[in-house]
Protein backbone atom coordinates (compact mmCIF):
# COMPACT_ATOMS: atom_id res chain seq x y z
CA MET A 1 15.46 13.61 30.70
CA ARG A 2 14.98 14.79 27.12
CA THR A 3 18.42 13.45 26.19
CA CYS A 4 17.57 10.07 27.68
CA ALA A 5 14.29 9.92 25.73
CA THR A 6 16.06 10.92 22.51
CA ILE A 7 18.71 8.26 23.01
CA THR A 8 16.05 5.66 23.77
CA LEU A 9 14.06 6.57 20.65
CA ALA A 10 17.19 6.57 18.50
CA ALA A 11 18.16 3.15 19.83
CA ALA A 12 14.66 1.85 19.15
CA ALA A 13 14.79 3.26 15.62
CA LEU A 14 18.10 1.54 14.97
CA LEU A 15 16.69 -1.67 16.38
CA ALA A 16 13.62 -1.38 14.17
CA LEU A 17 15.74 -1.03 11.04
CA SER A 18 18.62 -3.26 12.01
CA ALA A 19 18.82 -6.91 11.20
CA CYS A 20 18.55 -9.33 14.05
CA SER A 21 19.35 -12.94 13.64
CA SER A 22 17.35 -15.91 14.63
CA SER A 23 19.35 -19.11 14.48
CA SER A 24 16.46 -21.02 12.93
CA HIS A 25 16.02 -18.25 10.34
CA THR A 26 19.75 -18.27 9.59
CA ASP A 27 19.95 -22.06 9.47
CA GLU A 28 17.01 -22.29 7.11
CA ILE A 29 18.48 -19.72 4.71
CA ARG A 30 21.90 -21.39 4.79
CA GLY A 31 20.34 -24.82 4.43
CA THR A 32 22.00 -26.16 7.57
CA HIS A 33 19.01 -27.80 9.25
CA THR A 34 19.99 -31.35 10.12
CA ALA A 35 16.97 -32.67 8.24
CA GLN A 36 18.11 -30.90 5.06
CA ALA A 37 18.63 -33.35 2.21
CA THR A 38 22.03 -33.29 0.55
CA SER A 39 20.96 -33.69 -3.06
CA PRO A 40 21.52 -30.60 -5.24
CA SER A 41 17.81 -30.26 -6.00
CA ALA A 42 17.03 -30.08 -2.27
CA GLN A 43 19.44 -27.21 -1.57
CA PRO A 44 17.86 -23.78 -0.97
CA ARG A 45 17.82 -21.31 -3.81
CA THR A 46 20.29 -18.51 -3.23
CA THR A 47 18.55 -16.09 -5.54
CA PRO A 48 14.82 -15.61 -6.00
CA SER A 49 13.03 -16.06 -9.31
CA ALA A 50 12.64 -12.91 -11.40
CA ALA A 51 9.06 -12.41 -10.17
CA GLY A 52 10.00 -13.19 -6.56
CA ALA A 53 13.01 -10.89 -6.71
CA THR A 54 10.88 -8.04 -8.01
CA GLU A 55 8.25 -8.53 -5.30
CA LEU A 56 10.88 -8.74 -2.56
CA GLN A 57 12.71 -5.66 -3.86
CA GLN A 58 9.45 -3.71 -4.05
CA ALA A 59 8.58 -4.72 -0.48
CA VAL A 60 11.98 -3.62 0.84
CA GLN A 61 11.76 -0.34 -1.11
CA ALA A 62 8.22 0.38 0.12
CA TYR A 63 9.13 -0.37 3.73
CA THR A 64 12.28 1.76 3.66
CA GLU A 65 10.46 4.66 1.98
CA ALA A 66 7.56 4.53 4.44
CA TYR A 67 9.94 4.29 7.39
CA PHE A 68 11.88 7.44 6.52
CA LYS A 69 8.80 9.29 5.31
CA GLY A 70 7.15 8.79 8.69
CA ASP A 71 4.31 6.76 7.19
CA ALA A 72 3.75 4.56 10.22
CA THR A 73 0.62 2.92 8.81
CA THR A 74 2.42 1.61 5.71
CA ALA A 75 5.60 0.71 7.59
CA TYR A 76 3.67 -1.17 10.28
CA ALA A 77 1.64 -3.02 7.65
CA ALA A 78 4.96 -4.24 6.18
CA LEU A 79 5.91 -5.98 9.44
CA SER A 80 5.52 -9.72 9.84
CA LYS A 81 2.94 -11.07 12.27
CA ARG A 82 5.79 -12.06 14.57
CA CYS A 83 7.15 -8.50 14.66
CA LYS A 84 3.69 -7.00 15.16
CA SER A 85 3.22 -9.28 18.15
CA LYS A 86 6.36 -7.81 19.70
CA MET A 87 5.58 -4.12 19.09
CA PRO A 88 2.23 -2.36 19.31
CA SER A 89 1.42 -0.04 16.43
CA GLU A 90 1.44 3.02 18.72
CA ALA A 91 5.03 2.38 19.84
CA TYR A 92 6.13 1.68 16.28
CA GLU A 93 4.48 4.90 15.10
CA GLN A 94 6.64 6.89 17.53
CA ILE A 95 9.79 5.24 16.19
CA VAL A 96 8.88 5.90 12.55
CA LYS A 97 7.85 9.51 13.20
CA ARG A 98 11.14 10.10 15.01
CA ALA A 99 13.16 8.58 12.15
CA ALA A 100 11.37 10.86 9.69
CA ALA A 101 12.05 13.90 11.87
CA ASP A 102 15.71 12.98 12.37
CA TYR A 103 16.61 11.84 8.85
CA GLY A 104 13.89 12.99 6.45
CA THR A 105 12.91 11.39 3.18
CA GLY A 106 15.00 10.49 0.17
CA HIS A 107 16.81 7.45 1.54
CA PRO A 108 15.88 4.59 -0.79
CA ALA A 109 17.27 1.09 -0.48
CA THR A 110 19.95 0.50 -3.13
CA ASP A 111 22.37 -2.27 -4.15
CA MET A 112 19.95 -4.95 -3.00
CA GLN A 113 21.01 -8.60 -2.83
CA ALA A 114 18.83 -11.41 -1.52
CA GLN A 115 19.07 -15.02 -0.51
CA VAL A 116 15.73 -16.80 -0.59
CA SER A 117 14.71 -20.18 0.75
CA GLY A 118 11.02 -20.87 0.35
CA THR A 119 9.14 -18.26 2.35
CA LEU A 120 12.24 -16.83 4.05
CA ALA A 121 14.71 -14.31 2.70
CA ARG A 122 17.81 -12.47 3.85
CA VAL A 123 18.24 -9.12 2.16
CA SER A 124 21.37 -6.96 2.13
CA TYR A 125 21.12 -3.38 0.90
CA LYS A 126 22.40 0.14 1.37
CA VAL A 127 20.29 3.08 2.53
CA ARG A 128 21.22 6.06 0.38
CA GLY A 129 22.75 8.85 2.44
CA LEU A 130 22.58 6.91 5.70
CA PRO A 131 25.29 4.23 5.73
CA LYS A 132 24.63 3.49 9.41
CA PHE A 133 21.32 1.99 8.29
CA ASP A 134 22.87 -0.27 5.61
CA GLN A 135 21.69 -3.83 6.13
CA GLN A 136 23.35 -7.23 5.94
CA ALA A 137 21.16 -10.35 5.80
CA GLN A 138 18.04 -8.60 7.07
CA PRO A 139 15.29 -11.20 7.55
CA TRP A 140 12.08 -11.08 5.52
CA THR A 141 9.29 -13.62 5.39
CA ARG A 142 6.50 -14.31 2.95
CA GLU A 143 3.06 -14.25 4.60
CA GLY A 144 -0.13 -14.60 2.63
CA GLY A 145 1.77 -14.15 -0.63
CA THR A 146 3.40 -10.86 0.48
CA TRP A 147 6.96 -10.24 1.68
CA LYS A 148 7.08 -8.89 5.24
CA TYR A 149 9.88 -7.31 7.28
CA ASP A 150 10.90 -9.82 9.96
CA ALA A 151 13.89 -8.18 11.69
CA CYS A 152 12.41 -7.72 15.14
């Protein structure tokens, strides 16, 4: 029974950190919506402005640090409204506490690259010391002027 619970928690932790794809999210980032204009000025930006890039990078760093530190309050606050609606804070706290116990701190996000289109972003990065948590095109969204983790 303990093994089953450990496997379930580990799977949930991987799910919480892994990127999931939403076709509308992906289409919007790639600029493939059918209503998308074809003029060069209407194409989505593939890199954020300097200020936007800094804010996005800081948000990813803060989330990753909180996640592996077991700081469930900070990590949960970094989730988008959509993700919060799918996972109660108590369940998320268990996942984050387990990740901290299993992997410990000191796993910052490195080698970050982002594609941004308006309030949506896809961020690829490595997690130092834990390559199984490296991310490709992890979705983030800007809510109320703040970047939020949206890979739920």
